[in-house]
C-alpha atoms as a PDB file:
ATOM      1  CA  MET A   1    -107.098 -29.815 -34.194  1.00  0.00           C
ATOM      2  CA  ALA A   2    -108.600 -26.127 -34.182  1.00  0.00           C
ATOM      3  CA  ILE A   3    -112.248 -26.034 -33.813  1.00  0.00           C
ATOM      4  CA  THR A   4    -113.908 -24.363 -36.596  1.00  0.00           C
ATOM      5  CA  LEU A   5    -116.838 -21.286 -35.827  1.00  0.00           C
ATOM      6  CA  ASN A   6    -119.116 -19.302 -38.259  1.00  0.00           C
ATOM      7  CA  ILE A   7    -119.529 -15.613 -37.069  1.00  0.00           C
ATOM      8  CA  LYS A   8    -122.202 -16.382 -34.635  1.00  0.00           C
ATOM      9  CA  GLU A   9    -120.300 -19.333 -32.570  1.00  0.00           C
ATOM     10  CA  LEU A  10    -117.214 -16.419 -32.793  1.00  0.00           C
ATOM     11  CA  GLU A  11    -119.421 -14.472 -31.200  1.00  0.00           C
ATOM     12  CA  LYS A  12    -120.772 -16.599 -28.183  1.00  0.00           C
ATOM     13  CA  LEU A  13    -117.254 -18.033 -27.832  1.00  0.00           C
ATOM     14  CA  LEU A  14    -115.894 -14.305 -27.595  1.00  0.00           C
ATOM     15  CA  GLU A  15    -118.363 -13.771 -24.431  1.00  0.00           C
ATOM     16  CA  ALA A  16    -117.105 -16.929 -22.998  1.00  0.00           C
ATOM     17  CA  THR A  17    -114.005 -16.356 -23.260  1.00  0.00           C
ATOM     18  CA  PRO A  18    -112.324 -14.601 -19.961  1.00  0.00           C
ATOM     19  CA  ALA A  19    -110.316 -11.475 -20.823  1.00  0.00           C
ATOM     20  CA  SER A  20    -107.107 -13.349 -20.018  1.00  0.00           C
ATOM     21  CA  HIS A  21    -107.411 -16.120 -22.834  1.00  0.00           C
ATOM     22  CA  ASN A  22    -105.411 -15.060 -25.501  1.00  0.00           C
ATOM     23  CA  VAL A  23    -107.779 -15.976 -28.889  1.00  0.00           C
ATOM     24  CA  MET A  24    -105.914 -16.496 -32.667  1.00  0.00           C
ATOM     25  CA  LEU A  25    -108.546 -16.739 -35.566  1.00  0.00           C
ATOM     26  CA  LYS A  26    -106.984 -18.601 -38.625  1.00  0.00           C
ATOM     27  CA  GLY A  27    -109.007 -18.006 -42.324  1.00  0.00           C
ATOM     28  CA  LYS A  28    -108.294 -16.816 -45.653  1.00  0.00           C
ATOM     29  CA  HIS A  29    -107.960 -13.285 -45.778  1.00  0.00           C
ATOM     30  CA  GLY A  30    -110.946 -11.041 -47.000  1.00  0.00           C
ATOM     31  CA  ILE A  31    -113.421 -12.714 -44.969  1.00  0.00           C
ATOM     32  CA  GLY A  32    -113.860 -10.749 -42.646  1.00  0.00           C
ATOM     33  CA  LYS A  33    -112.385 -11.603 -39.787  1.00  0.00           C
ATOM     34  CA  SER A  34    -110.808  -7.739 -38.403  1.00  0.00           C
ATOM     35  CA  GLU A  35    -114.121  -6.335 -39.338  1.00  0.00           C
ATOM     36  CA  ILE A  36    -116.076  -8.753 -37.171  1.00  0.00           C
ATOM     37  CA  LEU A  37    -114.099  -9.146 -34.193  1.00  0.00           C
ATOM     38  CA  THR A  38    -113.922  -4.629 -34.458  1.00  0.00           C
ATOM     39  CA  ARG A  39    -117.908  -4.589 -34.595  1.00  0.00           C
ATOM     40  CA  PHE A  40    -118.247  -6.940 -32.049  1.00  0.00           C
ATOM     41  CA  PHE A  41    -116.026  -5.606 -28.809  1.00  0.00           C
ATOM     42  CA  ILE A  42    -117.201  -2.004 -30.054  1.00  0.00           C
ATOM     43  CA  ARG A  43    -120.696  -2.881 -29.301  1.00  0.00           C
ATOM     44  CA  GLN A  44    -119.374  -4.188 -26.174  1.00  0.00           C
ATOM     45  CA  GLY A  45    -117.781  -0.657 -25.582  1.00  0.00           C
ATOM     46  CA  MET A  46    -114.554  -1.794 -25.562  1.00  0.00           C
ATOM     47  CA  LYS A  47    -112.053   0.454 -27.380  1.00  0.00           C
ATOM     48  CA  VAL A  48    -110.654  -1.901 -30.512  1.00  0.00           C
ATOM     49  CA  ILE A  49    -106.927  -1.237 -31.262  1.00  0.00           C
ATOM     50  CA  SER A  50    -105.559  -2.749 -34.612  1.00  0.00           C
ATOM     51  CA  LEU A  51    -102.112  -2.885 -35.191  1.00  0.00           C
ATOM     52  CA  PHE A  52    -101.141  -4.756 -38.632  1.00  0.00           C
ATOM     53  CA  LEU A  53     -97.345  -6.637 -37.834  1.00  0.00           C
ATOM     54  CA  GLY A  54     -96.816  -6.918 -41.366  1.00  0.00           C
ATOM     55  CA  GLN A  55     -96.196  -3.220 -41.760  1.00  0.00           C
ATOM     56  CA  MET A  56     -94.437  -3.075 -38.925  1.00  0.00           C
ATOM     57  CA  SER A  57     -90.300  -3.226 -39.878  1.00  0.00           C
ATOM     58  CA  ASP A  58     -88.925  -2.334 -36.405  1.00  0.00           C
ATOM     59  CA  PRO A  59     -89.495  -3.825 -33.120  1.00  0.00           C
ATOM     60  CA  GLY A  60     -89.695  -0.103 -31.879  1.00  0.00           C
ATOM     61  CA  ASP A  61     -92.894   0.464 -33.800  1.00  0.00           C
ATOM     62  CA  LEU A  62     -94.984  -1.789 -31.562  1.00  0.00           C
ATOM     63  CA  ILE A  63     -92.923  -1.361 -28.103  1.00  0.00           C
ATOM     64  CA  GLY A  64     -92.182   2.376 -28.794  1.00  0.00           C
ATOM     65  CA  LEU A  65     -88.220   4.060 -28.952  1.00  0.00           C
ATOM     66  CA  PRO A  66     -85.959   4.660 -26.268  1.00  0.00           C
ATOM     67  CA  ARG A  67     -84.502   7.308 -24.477  1.00  0.00           C
ATOM     68  CA  LEU A  68     -82.310   8.421 -22.101  1.00  0.00           C
ATOM     69  CA  ASN A  69     -84.050   9.383 -18.272  1.00  0.00           C
ATOM     70  CA  PRO A  70     -81.909  12.079 -17.403  1.00  0.00           C
ATOM     71  CA  GLU A  71     -82.956  11.086 -13.836  1.00  0.00           C
ATOM     72  CA  THR A  72     -81.954   7.672 -13.633  1.00  0.00           C
ATOM     73  CA  GLY A  73     -79.126   7.817 -16.347  1.00  0.00           C
ATOM     74  CA  THR A  74     -80.850   4.847 -17.380  1.00  0.00           C
ATOM     75  CA  THR A  75     -82.861   4.097 -20.573  1.00  0.00           C
ATOM     76  CA  ASP A  76     -86.643   4.550 -20.842  1.00  0.00           C
ATOM     77  CA  PHE A  77     -88.901   3.435 -23.847  1.00  0.00           C
ATOM     78  CA  MET A  78     -91.704   5.902 -24.635  1.00  0.00           C
ATOM     79  CA  PRO A  79     -95.136   4.315 -24.591  1.00  0.00           C
ATOM     80  CA  PRO A  80     -96.088   3.619 -28.305  1.00  0.00           C
ATOM     81  CA  TYR A  81     -99.126   6.070 -30.096  1.00  0.00           C
ATOM     82  CA  TRP A  82    -101.320   3.072 -29.746  1.00  0.00           C
ATOM     83  CA  PHE A  83    -100.675   2.005 -25.698  1.00  0.00           C
ATOM     84  CA  PRO A  84    -103.325   3.019 -23.274  1.00  0.00           C
ATOM     85  CA  VAL A  85    -102.306   5.860 -20.672  1.00  0.00           C
ATOM     86  CA  ASN A  86    -106.211   5.880 -19.312  1.00  0.00           C
ATOM     87  CA  GLY A  87    -106.134   2.793 -17.021  1.00  0.00           C
ATOM     88  CA  GLU A  88    -108.978   1.423 -19.482  1.00  0.00           C
ATOM     89  CA  PRO A  89    -108.791  -2.230 -21.178  1.00  0.00           C
ATOM     90  CA  ILE A  90    -109.179  -2.324 -24.413  1.00  0.00           C
ATOM     91  CA  VAL A  91    -108.940  -5.060 -27.334  1.00  0.00           C
ATOM     92  CA  LEU A  92    -104.981  -5.359 -28.986  1.00  0.00           C
ATOM     93  CA  PHE A  93    -105.693  -6.821 -32.277  1.00  0.00           C
ATOM     94  CA  LEU A  94    -102.784  -8.184 -33.978  1.00  0.00           C
ATOM     95  CA  ASP A  95    -103.738  -8.724 -37.385  1.00  0.00           C
ATOM     96  CA  GLU A  96    -101.186 -10.292 -39.777  1.00  0.00           C
ATOM     97  CA  LEU A  97     -99.310 -11.821 -36.868  1.00  0.00           C
ATOM     98  CA  ASN A  98     -97.986 -14.734 -39.269  1.00  0.00           C
ATOM     99  CA  ARG A  99     -96.878 -12.158 -41.560  1.00  0.00           C
ATOM    100  CA  ALA A 100     -94.224  -9.966 -38.851  1.00  0.00           C
ATOM    101  CA  ARG A 101     -91.285 -10.234 -38.568  1.00  0.00           C
ATOM    102  CA  PRO A 102     -88.901 -12.257 -36.831  1.00  0.00           C
ATOM    103  CA  GLU A 103     -87.880  -9.707 -34.215  1.00  0.00           C
ATOM    104  CA  VAL A 104     -91.207  -8.452 -34.009  1.00  0.00           C
ATOM    105  CA  LEU A 105     -92.585 -11.383 -33.572  1.00  0.00           C
ATOM    106  CA  GLN A 106     -90.082 -11.695 -30.250  1.00  0.00           C
ATOM    107  CA  THR A 107     -92.076  -8.537 -28.877  1.00  0.00           C
ATOM    108  CA  ILE A 108     -95.492 -10.419 -29.014  1.00  0.00           C
ATOM    109  CA  MET A 109     -93.845 -13.233 -26.533  1.00  0.00           C
ATOM    110  CA  ASP A 110     -94.111 -11.134 -23.204  1.00  0.00           C
ATOM    111  CA  LEU A 111     -97.075  -9.539 -24.713  1.00  0.00           C
ATOM    112  CA  ALA A 112     -99.207 -12.430 -25.095  1.00  0.00           C
ATOM    113  CA  LEU A 113     -97.833 -14.035 -21.706  1.00  0.00           C
ATOM    114  CA  ASN A 114     -97.794 -11.299 -19.263  1.00  0.00           C
ATOM    115  CA  ARG A 115     -99.396  -8.910 -21.234  1.00  0.00           C
ATOM    116  CA  LYS A 116     -96.647  -6.452 -21.171  1.00  0.00           C
ATOM    117  CA  LEU A 117     -94.202  -4.537 -23.236  1.00  0.00           C
ATOM    118  CA  ALA A 118     -90.978  -3.015 -22.176  1.00  0.00           C
ATOM    119  CA  GLY A 119     -92.087  -3.165 -18.534  1.00  0.00           C
ATOM    120  CA  ARG A 120     -95.758  -1.652 -19.485  1.00  0.00           C
ATOM    121  CA  THR A 121     -98.543  -3.546 -18.399  1.00  0.00           C
ATOM    122  CA  LEU A 122    -101.937  -4.022 -20.309  1.00  0.00           C
ATOM    123  CA  PRO A 123    -104.829  -2.361 -18.004  1.00  0.00           C
ATOM    124  CA  GLU A 124    -106.825  -5.102 -16.311  1.00  0.00           C
ATOM    125  CA  GLY A 125    -108.927  -6.614 -18.069  1.00  0.00           C
ATOM    126  CA  SER A 126    -107.887  -6.402 -21.679  1.00  0.00           C
ATOM    127  CA  ARG A 127    -108.225  -8.811 -23.997  1.00  0.00           C
ATOM    128  CA  ILE A 128    -105.579  -9.899 -26.881  1.00  0.00           C
ATOM    129  CA  ILE A 129    -106.963 -10.926 -30.175  1.00  0.00           C
ATOM    130  CA  SER A 130    -104.692 -12.129 -33.206  1.00  0.00           C
ATOM    131  CA  ALA A 131    -105.537 -13.205 -36.488  1.00  0.00           C
ATOM    132  CA  VAL A 132    -103.503 -15.151 -39.128  1.00  0.00           C
ATOM    133  CA  ASN A 133    -104.175 -15.994 -42.922  1.00  0.00           C
ATOM    134  CA  ASP A 134    -104.095 -19.615 -43.325  1.00  0.00           C
ATOM    135  CA  GLY A 135    -102.844 -21.120 -47.118  1.00  0.00           C
ATOM    136  CA  GLU A 136    -100.050 -21.809 -49.026  1.00  0.00           C
ATOM    137  CA  GLU A 137    -100.583 -19.321 -51.418  1.00  0.00           C
ATOM    138  CA  TYR A 138     -99.318 -16.601 -48.992  1.00  0.00           C
ATOM    139  CA  GLN A 139     -95.896 -15.468 -47.667  1.00  0.00           C
ATOM    140  CA  LEU A 140     -96.322 -16.078 -44.256  1.00  0.00           C
ATOM    141  CA  THR A 141     -93.325 -16.234 -41.364  1.00  0.00           C
ATOM    142  CA  GLU A 142     -93.198 -19.713 -39.620  1.00  0.00           C
ATOM    143  CA  LEU A 143     -94.631 -18.853 -35.681  1.00  0.00           C
ATOM    144  CA  ASP A 144     -92.891 -20.392 -32.947  1.00  0.00           C
ATOM    145  CA  PRO A 145     -95.053 -23.120 -31.258  1.00  0.00           C
ATOM    146  CA  ALA A 146     -94.027 -21.408 -27.308  1.00  0.00           C
ATOM    147  CA  LEU A 147     -96.106 -18.303 -29.340  1.00  0.00           C
ATOM    148  CA  VAL A 148     -98.690 -20.110 -30.329  1.00  0.00           C
ATOM    149  CA  SER A 149     -99.326 -22.080 -27.217  1.00  0.00           C
ATOM    150  CA  ARG A 150    -100.049 -18.675 -25.689  1.00  0.00           C
ATOM    151  CA  PHE A 151    -103.399 -18.409 -27.674  1.00  0.00           C
ATOM    152  CA  ASN A 152    -106.632 -20.676 -28.620  1.00  0.00           C
ATOM    153  CA  ILE A 153    -106.746 -21.202 -31.201  1.00  0.00           C
ATOM    154  CA  TYR A 154    -109.646 -21.433 -33.671  1.00  0.00           C
ATOM    155  CA  ASN A 155    -110.300 -21.797 -37.588  1.00  0.00           C
ATOM    156  CA  PHE A 156    -112.448 -18.849 -38.964  1.00  0.00           C
ATOM    157  CA  ARG A 157    -114.799 -19.894 -41.726  1.00  0.00           C
ATOM    158  CA  PRO A 158    -118.634 -17.532 -42.038  1.00  0.00           C
ATOM    159  CA  GLU A 159    -121.310 -19.451 -43.797  1.00  0.00           C
ATOM    160  CA  PRO A 160    -122.096 -17.867 -46.606  1.00  0.00           C
ATOM    161  CA  SER A 161    -125.528 -16.539 -45.592  1.00  0.00           C
ATOM    162  CA  GLU A 162    -123.796 -14.964 -42.630  1.00  0.00           C
ATOM    163  CA  TRP A 163    -121.067 -13.424 -45.061  1.00  0.00           C
ATOM    164  CA  LEU A 164    -123.323 -12.117 -47.520  1.00  0.00           C
ATOM    165  CA  VAL A 165    -125.492 -10.443 -44.278  1.00  0.00           C
ATOM    166  CA  TRP A 166    -122.047  -8.657 -43.134  1.00  0.00           C
ATOM    167  CA  ALA A 167    -120.802  -7.514 -46.825  1.00  0.00           C
ATOM    168  CA  ARG A 168    -124.068  -6.046 -47.136  1.00  0.00           C
ATOM    169  CA  GLN A 169    -123.692  -4.348 -44.085  1.00  0.00           C
ATOM    170  CA  ALA A 170    -119.681  -3.865 -44.276  1.00  0.00           C
ATOM    171  CA  GLY A 171    -120.780  -2.180 -48.199  1.00  0.00           C
ATOM    172  CA  LEU A 172    -119.251  -4.346 -50.279  1.00  0.00           C
ATOM    173  CA  ASP A 173    -119.114  -4.035 -53.862  1.00  0.00           C
ATOM    174  CA  ASP A 174    -122.329  -5.342 -55.357  1.00  0.00           C
ATOM    175  CA  ARG A 175    -120.300  -7.943 -57.739  1.00  0.00           C
ATOM    176  CA  VAL A 176    -118.619  -9.709 -55.375  1.00  0.00           C
ATOM    177  CA  ILE A 177    -121.976  -9.863 -53.129  1.00  0.00           C
ATOM    178  CA  ASN A 178    -123.972 -11.100 -56.461  1.00  0.00           C
ATOM    179  CA  PHE A 179    -120.785 -13.601 -57.308  1.00  0.00           C
ATOM    180  CA  ILE A 180    -120.665 -14.854 -53.861  1.00  0.00           C
ATOM    181  CA  SER A 181    -124.727 -15.059 -53.595  1.00  0.00           C
ATOM    182  CA  GLY A 182    -124.584 -17.093 -56.725  1.00  0.00           C
ATOM    183  CA  HIS A 183    -121.751 -19.410 -56.016  1.00  0.00           C
ATOM    184  CA  PRO A 184    -121.086 -19.756 -52.209  1.00  0.00           C
ATOM    185  CA  ALA A 185    -118.921 -22.682 -52.775  1.00  0.00           C
ATOM    186  CA  TYR A 186    -116.609 -20.062 -53.795  1.00  0.00           C
ATOM    187  CA  LEU A 187    -116.052 -18.696 -50.059  1.00  0.00           C
ATOM    188  CA  ASP A 188    -113.527 -18.785 -48.013  1.00  0.00           C
ATOM    189  CA  GLU A 189    -112.789 -22.490 -50.133  1.00  0.00           C
ATOM    190  CA  GLU A 190    -109.211 -23.949 -52.086  1.00  0.00           C
ATOM    191  CA  LEU A 191    -110.769 -23.981 -55.377  1.00  0.00           C
ATOM    192  CA  PRO A 192    -108.295 -23.737 -58.452  1.00  0.00           C
ATOM    193  CA  TYR A 193    -108.790 -20.208 -59.840  1.00  0.00           C
ATOM    194  CA  LEU A 194    -108.303 -20.896 -63.842  1.00  0.00           C
ATOM    195  CA  ASP A 195    -109.377 -24.280 -64.037  1.00  0.00           C
ATOM    196  CA  ALA A 196    -112.660 -24.350 -62.428  1.00  0.00           C
ATOM    197  CA  GLY A 197    -116.270 -24.210 -64.059  1.00  0.00           C
ATOM    198  CA  LEU A 198    -118.747 -22.041 -63.244  1.00  0.00           C
ATOM    199  CA  GLU A 199    -122.076 -23.830 -63.032  1.00  0.00           C
END
């Protein structure tokens, strides 16, 4: 069973987790997973590369495209646009991991275990963080247990007071902020959308 973290606990966990350990956050959409992670690591001075795997239609979007090496007569892969070529460690944020196509997920296996894509290794000190939506209301891809086992998994549920601070800083619509302020039970809760009475 996964541990449940609020924002402060998540930040403490990220500080204590070695870069070699992959992290997976589970939670509802729209609760700030991407924004909070990005803000945290930018404060640490690290570049954050966010890849929305649900929008990738082909493994080449992730690993780069093949080309013929005229010197060796073999096929090489051109590095994708996001791959760090300056040797500086990055935070690779794999968003919507469980919305990715199966063929894209296959390329994540070697990345999560060996920090390699098409023979290229991420710079030392790089981190891999993934986020998945959790709930029966989403159209999701079932993740291979072998892939899941390569991540430390945590449920992410911000406390309403924390979320309200984040929402104001992020510039969310005042109507949303005011609604959650008055009805905090509706933040990341599985409540009926039509029949729930607002008291």
